[in-house]
Full PDB file with SEQRES, HELIX, SHEET, SSBOND, CRYST1, ORIGX, SCALE, CONECT and MASTER records, all heavy atoms in Angstrom:
SEQRES   1 A   37  GLU GLY PHE GLN THR MET ALA THR ASN HIS PRO GLU LYS          
SEQRES   2 A   37  LEU ASN ALA VAL GLY SER SER THR ASP SER VAL PRO PHE          
SEQRES   3 A   37  ALA THR ILE PHE THR GLY MET ILE TRP ALA ASN                  
HELIX    1 AA1 GLY A    2  THR A    8  1                                   7    
HELIX    2 AA2 PRO A   11  LEU A   14  5                                   4    
HELIX    3 AA3 THR A   28  THR A   28  1                                   1    
HELIX    4 AA4 ILE A   29  MET A   33  3                                   5    
HELIX    5 AA5 ILE A   34  ALA A   36  1                                   3    
CRYST1    1.000    1.000    1.000  90.00  90.00  90.00 P 1           1          
ORIGX1      1.000000  0.000000  0.000000        0.00000                         
ORIGX2      0.000000  1.000000  0.000000        0.00000                         
ORIGX3      0.000000  0.000000  1.000000        0.00000                         
SCALE1      1.000000  0.000000  0.000000        0.00000                         
SCALE2      0.000000  1.000000  0.000000        0.00000                         
SCALE3      0.000000  0.000000  1.000000        0.00000                         
ATOM      1  N   GLU A   1     -33.002  16.577 -46.425  1.00  0.00           N  
ATOM      2  CA  GLU A   1     -33.184  16.794 -44.922  1.00  0.00           C  
ATOM      3  C   GLU A   1     -32.677  15.637 -44.077  1.00  0.00           C  
ATOM      4  O   GLU A   1     -32.081  15.765 -43.004  1.00  0.00           O  
ATOM      5  CB  GLU A   1     -34.700  16.919 -44.658  1.00  0.00           C  
ATOM      6  CG  GLU A   1     -35.257  18.276 -45.172  1.00  0.00           C  
ATOM      7  CD  GLU A   1     -34.708  19.434 -44.235  1.00  0.00           C  
ATOM      8  OE1 GLU A   1     -34.392  19.248 -43.123  1.00  0.00           O  
ATOM      9  OE2 GLU A   1     -34.534  20.506 -44.865  1.00  0.00           O  
ATOM     10  N   GLY A   2     -32.866  14.407 -44.634  1.00  0.00           N  
ATOM     11  CA  GLY A   2     -32.365  13.195 -43.936  1.00  0.00           C  
ATOM     12  C   GLY A   2     -30.812  13.264 -43.846  1.00  0.00           C  
ATOM     13  O   GLY A   2     -30.231  12.943 -42.797  1.00  0.00           O  
ATOM     14  N   PHE A   3     -30.154  13.613 -44.881  1.00  0.00           N  
ATOM     15  CA  PHE A   3     -28.680  13.745 -44.866  1.00  0.00           C  
ATOM     16  C   PHE A   3     -28.236  14.852 -43.878  1.00  0.00           C  
ATOM     17  O   PHE A   3     -27.341  14.620 -43.186  1.00  0.00           O  
ATOM     18  CB  PHE A   3     -28.151  14.078 -46.288  1.00  0.00           C  
ATOM     19  CG  PHE A   3     -26.665  14.170 -46.394  1.00  0.00           C  
ATOM     20  CD1 PHE A   3     -25.885  13.003 -46.474  1.00  0.00           C  
ATOM     21  CD2 PHE A   3     -25.962  15.391 -46.242  1.00  0.00           C  
ATOM     22  CE1 PHE A   3     -24.554  13.038 -46.581  1.00  0.00           C  
ATOM     23  CE2 PHE A   3     -24.633  15.443 -46.251  1.00  0.00           C  
ATOM     24  CZ  PHE A   3     -23.870  14.289 -46.465  1.00  0.00           C  
ATOM     25  N   GLN A   4     -28.910  15.968 -43.832  1.00  0.00           N  
ATOM     26  CA  GLN A   4     -28.500  16.965 -42.918  1.00  0.00           C  
ATOM     27  C   GLN A   4     -28.759  16.516 -41.471  1.00  0.00           C  
ATOM     28  O   GLN A   4     -27.870  16.748 -40.602  1.00  0.00           O  
ATOM     29  CB  GLN A   4     -29.346  18.208 -43.192  1.00  0.00           C  
ATOM     30  CG  GLN A   4     -28.924  19.453 -42.302  1.00  0.00           C  
ATOM     31  CD  GLN A   4     -29.596  20.720 -42.759  1.00  0.00           C  
ATOM     32  OE1 GLN A   4     -30.417  20.792 -43.633  1.00  0.00           O  
ATOM     33  NE2 GLN A   4     -29.335  21.805 -42.024  1.00  0.00           N  
ATOM     34  N   THR A   5     -29.788  15.825 -41.178  1.00  0.00           N  
ATOM     35  CA  THR A   5     -30.019  15.229 -39.849  1.00  0.00           C  
ATOM     36  C   THR A   5     -28.871  14.362 -39.530  1.00  0.00           C  
ATOM     37  O   THR A   5     -28.338  14.344 -38.327  1.00  0.00           O  
ATOM     38  CB  THR A   5     -31.362  14.478 -39.810  1.00  0.00           C  
ATOM     39  OG1 THR A   5     -32.441  15.418 -40.137  1.00  0.00           O  
ATOM     40  CG2 THR A   5     -31.652  13.883 -38.465  1.00  0.00           C  
ATOM     41  N   MET A   6     -28.542  13.468 -40.376  1.00  0.00           N  
ATOM     42  CA  MET A   6     -27.444  12.461 -40.115  1.00  0.00           C  
ATOM     43  C   MET A   6     -26.091  13.173 -39.825  1.00  0.00           C  
ATOM     44  O   MET A   6     -25.315  12.762 -39.019  1.00  0.00           O  
ATOM     45  CB  MET A   6     -27.346  11.493 -41.245  1.00  0.00           C  
ATOM     46  CG  MET A   6     -26.220  10.342 -41.069  1.00  0.00           C  
ATOM     47  SD  MET A   6     -26.108   9.196 -42.471  1.00  0.00           S  
ATOM     48  CE  MET A   6     -25.483  10.375 -43.735  1.00  0.00           C  
ATOM     49  N   ALA A   7     -25.835  14.216 -40.645  1.00  0.00           N  
ATOM     50  CA  ALA A   7     -24.528  14.904 -40.580  1.00  0.00           C  
ATOM     51  C   ALA A   7     -24.405  15.889 -39.345  1.00  0.00           C  
ATOM     52  O   ALA A   7     -23.294  16.100 -38.915  1.00  0.00           O  
ATOM     53  CB  ALA A   7     -24.314  15.662 -41.911  1.00  0.00           C  
ATOM     54  N   THR A   8     -25.577  16.444 -38.861  1.00  0.00           N  
ATOM     55  CA  THR A   8     -25.513  17.389 -37.797  1.00  0.00           C  
ATOM     56  C   THR A   8     -25.921  16.956 -36.419  1.00  0.00           C  
ATOM     57  O   THR A   8     -25.559  17.440 -35.470  1.00  0.00           O  
ATOM     58  CB  THR A   8     -26.378  18.590 -38.282  1.00  0.00           C  
ATOM     59  OG1 THR A   8     -27.717  18.135 -38.484  1.00  0.00           O  
ATOM     60  CG2 THR A   8     -25.913  19.325 -39.474  1.00  0.00           C  
ATOM     61  N   ASN A   9     -26.764  15.851 -36.428  1.00  0.00           N  
ATOM     62  CA  ASN A   9     -27.134  15.221 -35.116  1.00  0.00           C  
ATOM     63  C   ASN A   9     -26.187  14.061 -34.843  1.00  0.00           C  
ATOM     64  O   ASN A   9     -26.147  13.119 -35.692  1.00  0.00           O  
ATOM     65  CB  ASN A   9     -28.588  14.749 -35.120  1.00  0.00           C  
ATOM     66  CG  ASN A   9     -29.512  15.898 -35.220  1.00  0.00           C  
ATOM     67  OD1 ASN A   9     -29.147  17.074 -35.051  1.00  0.00           O  
ATOM     68  ND2 ASN A   9     -30.777  15.595 -35.587  1.00  0.00           N  
ATOM     69  N   HIS A  10     -25.558  14.118 -33.719  1.00  0.00           N  
ATOM     70  CA  HIS A  10     -24.467  13.015 -33.359  1.00  0.00           C  
ATOM     71  C   HIS A  10     -23.484  12.892 -34.471  1.00  0.00           C  
ATOM     72  O   HIS A  10     -23.297  11.791 -35.042  1.00  0.00           O  
ATOM     73  CB  HIS A  10     -25.203  11.751 -33.116  1.00  0.00           C  
ATOM     74  CG  HIS A  10     -26.133  11.854 -32.025  1.00  0.00           C  
ATOM     75  ND1 HIS A  10     -25.669  11.831 -30.648  1.00  0.00           N  
ATOM     76  CD2 HIS A  10     -27.517  11.747 -31.959  1.00  0.00           C  
ATOM     77  CE1 HIS A  10     -26.795  11.776 -29.789  1.00  0.00           C  
ATOM     78  NE2 HIS A  10     -27.853  11.775 -30.613  1.00  0.00           N  
ATOM     79  N   PRO A  11     -22.794  13.982 -34.908  1.00  0.00           N  
ATOM     80  CA  PRO A  11     -21.746  13.854 -35.998  1.00  0.00           C  
ATOM     81  C   PRO A  11     -20.625  12.909 -35.569  1.00  0.00           C  
ATOM     82  O   PRO A  11     -19.931  12.359 -36.491  1.00  0.00           O  
ATOM     83  CB  PRO A  11     -21.268  15.326 -36.148  1.00  0.00           C  
ATOM     84  CG  PRO A  11     -21.582  15.944 -34.928  1.00  0.00           C  
ATOM     85  CD  PRO A  11     -22.829  15.329 -34.411  1.00  0.00           C  
ATOM     86  N   GLU A  12     -20.427  12.612 -34.342  1.00  0.00           N  
ATOM     87  CA  GLU A  12     -19.425  11.741 -33.888  1.00  0.00           C  
ATOM     88  C   GLU A  12     -19.592  10.336 -34.521  1.00  0.00           C  
ATOM     89  O   GLU A  12     -18.613   9.538 -34.603  1.00  0.00           O  
ATOM     90  CB  GLU A  12     -19.269  11.700 -32.417  1.00  0.00           C  
ATOM     91  CG  GLU A  12     -20.402  10.919 -31.662  1.00  0.00           C  
ATOM     92  CD  GLU A  12     -21.660  11.769 -31.483  1.00  0.00           C  
ATOM     93  OE1 GLU A  12     -21.703  12.824 -31.919  1.00  0.00           O  
ATOM     94  OE2 GLU A  12     -22.585  11.185 -30.952  1.00  0.00           O  
ATOM     95  N   LYS A  13     -20.793   9.975 -34.810  1.00  0.00           N  
ATOM     96  CA  LYS A  13     -21.112   8.683 -35.474  1.00  0.00           C  
ATOM     97  C   LYS A  13     -20.419   8.504 -36.857  1.00  0.00           C  
ATOM     98  O   LYS A  13     -20.199   7.389 -37.298  1.00  0.00           O  
ATOM     99  CB  LYS A  13     -22.600   8.449 -35.534  1.00  0.00           C  
ATOM    100  CG  LYS A  13     -23.429   8.464 -34.335  1.00  0.00           C  
ATOM    101  CD  LYS A  13     -23.125   7.206 -33.374  1.00  0.00           C  
ATOM    102  CE  LYS A  13     -23.690   6.018 -33.937  1.00  0.00           C  
ATOM    103  NZ  LYS A  13     -23.474   4.821 -33.079  1.00  0.00           N  
ATOM    104  N   LEU A  14     -20.130   9.701 -37.450  1.00  0.00           N  
ATOM    105  CA  LEU A  14     -19.560   9.620 -38.776  1.00  0.00           C  
ATOM    106  C   LEU A  14     -18.084   9.717 -38.735  1.00  0.00           C  
ATOM    107  O   LEU A  14     -17.451   9.934 -39.775  1.00  0.00           O  
ATOM    108  CB  LEU A  14     -20.163  10.741 -39.561  1.00  0.00           C  
ATOM    109  CG  LEU A  14     -21.658  10.630 -39.911  1.00  0.00           C  
ATOM    110  CD1 LEU A  14     -22.132  11.880 -40.563  1.00  0.00           C  
ATOM    111  CD2 LEU A  14     -21.905   9.421 -40.719  1.00  0.00           C  
ATOM    112  N   ASN A  15     -17.418   9.701 -37.595  1.00  0.00           N  
ATOM    113  CA  ASN A  15     -15.962   9.827 -37.451  1.00  0.00           C  
ATOM    114  C   ASN A  15     -15.276   8.473 -37.626  1.00  0.00           C  
ATOM    115  O   ASN A  15     -15.526   7.532 -36.867  1.00  0.00           O  
ATOM    116  CB  ASN A  15     -15.624  10.346 -36.103  1.00  0.00           C  
ATOM    117  CG  ASN A  15     -14.135  10.783 -35.966  1.00  0.00           C  
ATOM    118  OD1 ASN A  15     -13.412  10.860 -36.965  1.00  0.00           O  
ATOM    119  ND2 ASN A  15     -13.726  11.001 -34.742  1.00  0.00           N  
ATOM    120  N   ALA A  16     -14.462   8.416 -38.618  1.00  0.00           N  
ATOM    121  CA  ALA A  16     -13.631   7.109 -38.885  1.00  0.00           C  
ATOM    122  C   ALA A  16     -12.305   7.110 -38.186  1.00  0.00           C  
ATOM    123  O   ALA A  16     -11.611   6.184 -38.232  1.00  0.00           O  
ATOM    124  CB  ALA A  16     -13.542   6.975 -40.404  1.00  0.00           C  
ATOM    125  N   VAL A  17     -11.925   8.329 -37.653  1.00  0.00           N  
ATOM    126  CA  VAL A  17     -10.592   8.438 -36.913  1.00  0.00           C  
ATOM    127  C   VAL A  17     -10.854   7.926 -35.542  1.00  0.00           C  
ATOM    128  O   VAL A  17     -11.133   8.749 -34.674  1.00  0.00           O  
ATOM    129  CB  VAL A  17     -10.071   9.873 -37.016  1.00  0.00           C  
ATOM    130  CG1 VAL A  17      -8.704   9.911 -36.379  1.00  0.00           C  
ATOM    131  CG2 VAL A  17     -10.003  10.370 -38.452  1.00  0.00           C  
ATOM    132  N   GLY A  18     -10.649   6.599 -35.372  1.00  0.00           N  
ATOM    133  CA  GLY A  18     -10.934   5.993 -34.052  1.00  0.00           C  
ATOM    134  C   GLY A  18     -10.095   6.405 -32.977  1.00  0.00           C  
ATOM    135  O   GLY A  18      -8.836   6.553 -33.129  1.00  0.00           O  
ATOM    136  N   SER A  19     -10.624   6.569 -31.774  1.00  0.00           N  
ATOM    137  CA  SER A  19      -9.879   6.864 -30.564  1.00  0.00           C  
ATOM    138  C   SER A  19      -9.321   5.611 -29.866  1.00  0.00           C  
ATOM    139  O   SER A  19      -9.652   4.474 -30.372  1.00  0.00           O  
ATOM    140  CB  SER A  19     -10.701   7.711 -29.509  1.00  0.00           C  
ATOM    141  OG  SER A  19     -11.704   6.801 -29.060  1.00  0.00           O  
ATOM    142  N   SER A  20      -8.556   5.718 -28.874  1.00  0.00           N  
ATOM    143  CA  SER A  20      -8.077   4.464 -28.250  1.00  0.00           C  
ATOM    144  C   SER A  20      -9.071   3.664 -27.602  1.00  0.00           C  
ATOM    145  O   SER A  20      -8.886   2.397 -27.311  1.00  0.00           O  
ATOM    146  CB  SER A  20      -7.018   4.984 -27.119  1.00  0.00           C  
ATOM    147  OG  SER A  20      -7.616   5.739 -26.199  1.00  0.00           O  
ATOM    148  N   THR A  21     -10.286   4.176 -27.375  1.00  0.00           N  
ATOM    149  CA  THR A  21     -11.438   3.414 -26.809  1.00  0.00           C  
ATOM    150  C   THR A  21     -12.326   2.757 -27.794  1.00  0.00           C  
ATOM    151  O   THR A  21     -13.162   1.964 -27.472  1.00  0.00           O  
ATOM    152  CB  THR A  21     -12.203   4.335 -25.870  1.00  0.00           C  
ATOM    153  OG1 THR A  21     -12.785   5.462 -26.691  1.00  0.00           O  
ATOM    154  CG2 THR A  21     -11.391   4.887 -24.701  1.00  0.00           C  
ATOM    155  N   ASP A  22     -12.146   3.129 -29.119  1.00  0.00           N  
ATOM    156  CA  ASP A  22     -12.866   2.468 -30.155  1.00  0.00           C  
ATOM    157  C   ASP A  22     -12.348   1.153 -30.460  1.00  0.00           C  
ATOM    158  O   ASP A  22     -11.229   0.817 -30.114  1.00  0.00           O  
ATOM    159  CB  ASP A  22     -12.895   3.360 -31.450  1.00  0.00           C  
ATOM    160  CG  ASP A  22     -13.669   4.596 -31.295  1.00  0.00           C  
ATOM    161  OD1 ASP A  22     -14.879   4.487 -30.767  1.00  0.00           O  
ATOM    162  OD2 ASP A  22     -13.213   5.681 -31.628  1.00  0.00           O  
ATOM    163  N   SER A  23     -13.193   0.319 -31.109  1.00  0.00           N  
ATOM    164  CA  SER A  23     -12.772  -1.038 -31.515  1.00  0.00           C  
ATOM    165  C   SER A  23     -11.618  -1.096 -32.479  1.00  0.00           C  
ATOM    166  O   SER A  23     -10.766  -2.035 -32.512  1.00  0.00           O  
ATOM    167  CB  SER A  23     -13.948  -1.856 -32.007  1.00  0.00           C  
ATOM    168  OG  SER A  23     -14.481  -1.316 -33.198  1.00  0.00           O  
ATOM    169  N   VAL A  24     -11.586  -0.023 -33.328  1.00  0.00           N  
ATOM    170  CA  VAL A  24     -10.422   0.132 -34.278  1.00  0.00           C  
ATOM    171  C   VAL A  24      -9.775   1.511 -34.097  1.00  0.00           C  
ATOM    172  O   VAL A  24     -10.157   2.522 -34.759  1.00  0.00           O  
ATOM    173  CB  VAL A  24     -10.954  -0.052 -35.688  1.00  0.00           C  
ATOM    174  CG1 VAL A  24      -9.790   0.104 -36.642  1.00  0.00           C  
ATOM    175  CG2 VAL A  24     -11.573  -1.352 -35.880  1.00  0.00           C  
ATOM    176  N   PRO A  25      -8.860   1.684 -33.162  1.00  0.00           N  
ATOM    177  CA  PRO A  25      -8.202   3.000 -32.980  1.00  0.00           C  
ATOM    178  C   PRO A  25      -7.402   3.288 -34.257  1.00  0.00           C  
ATOM    179  O   PRO A  25      -6.893   2.355 -35.006  1.00  0.00           O  
ATOM    180  CB  PRO A  25      -7.200   2.642 -31.826  1.00  0.00           C  
ATOM    181  CG  PRO A  25      -7.784   1.486 -31.105  1.00  0.00           C  
ATOM    182  CD  PRO A  25      -8.512   0.723 -32.074  1.00  0.00           C  
ATOM    183  N   PHE A  26      -7.356   4.560 -34.572  1.00  0.00           N  
ATOM    184  CA  PHE A  26      -6.603   5.050 -35.794  1.00  0.00           C  
ATOM    185  C   PHE A  26      -5.221   4.456 -35.914  1.00  0.00           C  
ATOM    186  O   PHE A  26      -4.703   4.159 -36.986  1.00  0.00           O  
ATOM    187  CB  PHE A  26      -6.668   6.562 -35.936  1.00  0.00           C  
ATOM    188  CG  PHE A  26      -6.220   7.064 -37.242  1.00  0.00           C  
ATOM    189  CD1 PHE A  26      -7.003   6.881 -38.377  1.00  0.00           C  
ATOM    190  CD2 PHE A  26      -5.001   7.725 -37.301  1.00  0.00           C  
ATOM    191  CE1 PHE A  26      -6.526   7.334 -39.686  1.00  0.00           C  
ATOM    192  CE2 PHE A  26      -4.589   8.286 -38.572  1.00  0.00           C  
ATOM    193  CZ  PHE A  26      -5.387   8.053 -39.674  1.00  0.00           C  
ATOM    194  N   ALA A  27      -4.527   4.411 -34.808  1.00  0.00           N  
ATOM    195  CA  ALA A  27      -3.084   4.008 -34.752  1.00  0.00           C  
ATOM    196  C   ALA A  27      -3.038   2.573 -35.259  1.00  0.00           C  
ATOM    197  O   ALA A  27      -1.873   2.182 -35.753  1.00  0.00           O  
ATOM    198  CB  ALA A  27      -2.563   4.140 -33.323  1.00  0.00           C  
ATOM    199  N   THR A  28      -3.974   1.697 -35.127  1.00  0.00           N  
ATOM    200  CA  THR A  28      -3.904   0.290 -35.544  1.00  0.00           C  
ATOM    201  C   THR A  28      -3.673   0.106 -36.974  1.00  0.00           C  
ATOM    202  O   THR A  28      -3.167  -0.886 -37.480  1.00  0.00           O  
ATOM    203  CB  THR A  28      -5.131  -0.523 -35.115  1.00  0.00           C  
ATOM    204  OG1 THR A  28      -6.324   0.059 -35.698  1.00  0.00           O  
ATOM    205  CG2 THR A  28      -5.337  -0.511 -33.629  1.00  0.00           C  
ATOM    206  N   ILE A  29      -4.048   1.124 -37.798  1.00  0.00           N  
ATOM    207  CA  ILE A  29      -3.846   1.054 -39.182  1.00  0.00           C  
ATOM    208  C   ILE A  29      -2.323   0.909 -39.556  1.00  0.00           C  
ATOM    209  O   ILE A  29      -2.003   0.236 -40.508  1.00  0.00           O  
ATOM    210  CB  ILE A  29      -4.346   2.393 -39.935  1.00  0.00           C  
ATOM    211  CG1 ILE A  29      -5.915   2.448 -39.738  1.00  0.00           C  
ATOM    212  CG2 ILE A  29      -4.024   2.399 -41.383  1.00  0.00           C  
ATOM    213  CD1 ILE A  29      -6.472   3.767 -40.241  1.00  0.00           C  
ATOM    214  N   PHE A  30      -1.455   1.504 -38.710  1.00  0.00           N  
ATOM    215  CA  PHE A  30      -0.075   1.492 -38.904  1.00  0.00           C  
ATOM    216  C   PHE A  30       0.614   0.398 -38.249  1.00  0.00           C  
ATOM    217  O   PHE A  30       1.868   0.286 -38.314  1.00  0.00           O  
ATOM    218  CB  PHE A  30       0.457   2.804 -38.495  1.00  0.00           C  
ATOM    219  CG  PHE A  30      -0.264   4.043 -39.214  1.00  0.00           C  
ATOM    220  CD1 PHE A  30      -1.129   4.758 -38.368  1.00  0.00           C  
ATOM    221  CD2 PHE A  30      -0.031   4.362 -40.473  1.00  0.00           C  
ATOM    222  CE1 PHE A  30      -1.859   5.798 -38.981  1.00  0.00           C  
ATOM    223  CE2 PHE A  30      -0.742   5.390 -41.008  1.00  0.00           C  
ATOM    224  CZ  PHE A  30      -1.637   6.150 -40.242  1.00  0.00           C  
ATOM    225  N   THR A  31      -0.046  -0.368 -37.427  1.00  0.00           N  
ATOM    226  CA  THR A  31       0.627  -1.508 -36.622  1.00  0.00           C  
ATOM    227  C   THR A  31       0.225  -2.862 -37.252  1.00  0.00           C  
ATOM    228  O   THR A  31       0.932  -3.470 -38.087  1.00  0.00           O  
ATOM    229  CB  THR A  31       0.269  -1.447 -35.134  1.00  0.00           C  
ATOM    230  OG1 THR A  31      -1.164  -1.442 -34.990  1.00  0.00           O  
ATOM    231  CG2 THR A  31       0.843  -0.222 -34.528  1.00  0.00           C  
ATOM    232  N   GLY A  32      -1.012  -3.307 -37.027  1.00  0.00           N  
ATOM    233  CA  GLY A  32      -1.348  -4.626 -37.472  1.00  0.00           C  
ATOM    234  C   GLY A  32      -2.306  -4.731 -38.560  1.00  0.00           C  
ATOM    235  O   GLY A  32      -2.347  -5.827 -39.272  1.00  0.00           O  
ATOM    236  N   MET A  33      -3.050  -3.644 -38.841  1.00  0.00           N  
ATOM    237  CA  MET A  33      -4.149  -3.818 -39.848  1.00  0.00           C  
ATOM    238  C   MET A  33      -3.640  -4.034 -41.291  1.00  0.00           C  
ATOM    239  O   MET A  33      -4.180  -4.824 -42.080  1.00  0.00           O  
ATOM    240  CB  MET A  33      -5.019  -2.576 -39.913  1.00  0.00           C  
ATOM    241  CG  MET A  33      -6.257  -2.633 -40.817  1.00  0.00           C  
ATOM    242  SD  MET A  33      -7.456  -1.400 -40.565  1.00  0.00           S  
ATOM    243  CE  MET A  33      -8.033  -1.643 -38.869  1.00  0.00           C  
ATOM    244  N   ILE A  34      -2.593  -3.317 -41.639  1.00  0.00           N  
ATOM    245  CA  ILE A  34      -2.044  -3.570 -43.024  1.00  0.00           C  
ATOM    246  C   ILE A  34      -1.631  -4.984 -43.294  1.00  0.00           C  
ATOM    247  O   ILE A  34      -1.855  -5.495 -44.299  1.00  0.00           O  
ATOM    248  CB  ILE A  34      -0.850  -2.611 -43.269  1.00  0.00           C  
ATOM    249  CG1 ILE A  34      -0.168  -2.805 -44.656  1.00  0.00           C  
ATOM    250  CG2 ILE A  34       0.200  -2.758 -42.170  1.00  0.00           C  
ATOM    251  CD1 ILE A  34      -1.159  -2.474 -45.761  1.00  0.00           C  
ATOM    252  N   TRP A  35      -1.168  -5.669 -42.261  1.00  0.00           N  
ATOM    253  CA  TRP A  35      -0.700  -7.043 -42.375  1.00  0.00           C  
ATOM    254  C   TRP A  35      -1.892  -7.977 -42.461  1.00  0.00           C  
ATOM    255  O   TRP A  35      -1.871  -9.009 -43.194  1.00  0.00           O  
ATOM    256  CB  TRP A  35       0.341  -7.415 -41.289  1.00  0.00           C  
ATOM    257  CG  TRP A  35       1.437  -6.446 -41.126  1.00  0.00           C  
ATOM    258  CD1 TRP A  35       1.625  -5.661 -40.111  1.00  0.00           C  
ATOM    259  CD2 TRP A  35       2.355  -6.002 -42.195  1.00  0.00           C  
ATOM    260  NE1 TRP A  35       2.715  -4.755 -40.368  1.00  0.00           N  
ATOM    261  CE2 TRP A  35       3.095  -5.068 -41.641  1.00  0.00           C  
ATOM    262  CE3 TRP A  35       2.568  -6.485 -43.520  1.00  0.00           C  
ATOM    263  CZ2 TRP A  35       4.189  -4.376 -42.285  1.00  0.00           C  
ATOM    264  CZ3 TRP A  35       3.647  -5.807 -44.222  1.00  0.00           C  
ATOM    265  CH2 TRP A  35       4.388  -4.812 -43.588  1.00  0.00           C  
ATOM    266  N   ALA A  36      -2.887  -7.743 -41.630  1.00  0.00           N  
ATOM    267  CA  ALA A  36      -4.139  -8.487 -41.690  1.00  0.00           C  
ATOM    268  C   ALA A  36      -4.831  -8.355 -43.087  1.00  0.00           C  
ATOM    269  O   ALA A  36      -5.185  -9.353 -43.633  1.00  0.00           O  
ATOM    270  CB  ALA A  36      -5.099  -8.087 -40.529  1.00  0.00           C  
ATOM    271  N   ASN A  37      -4.913  -7.239 -43.578  1.00  0.00           N  
ATOM    272  CA  ASN A  37      -5.519  -7.021 -44.889  1.00  0.00           C  
ATOM    273  C   ASN A  37      -4.578  -7.647 -46.012  1.00  0.00           C  
ATOM    274  O   ASN A  37      -5.117  -8.283 -46.901  1.00  0.00           O  
ATOM    275  CB  ASN A  37      -5.612  -5.540 -45.218  1.00  0.00           C  
ATOM    276  CG  ASN A  37      -6.898  -4.925 -44.652  1.00  0.00           C  
ATOM    277  OD1 ASN A  37      -7.957  -5.645 -44.567  1.00  0.00           O  
ATOM    278  ND2 ASN A  37      -6.880  -3.657 -44.298  1.00  0.00           N  
TER     279      ASN A  37                                                      
MASTER        0    0    0    5    0    0    0    6  278    1    0    3          
END                                                                             
């Protein structure tokens, strides 16, 4: 039940594909992140 609550209430919290307003936009993976890692 806890897992279902986490997955269905506010599912946007589980999104790793960051938008331009997130601290890690998805596009940054292909620009600077690979070199930082």
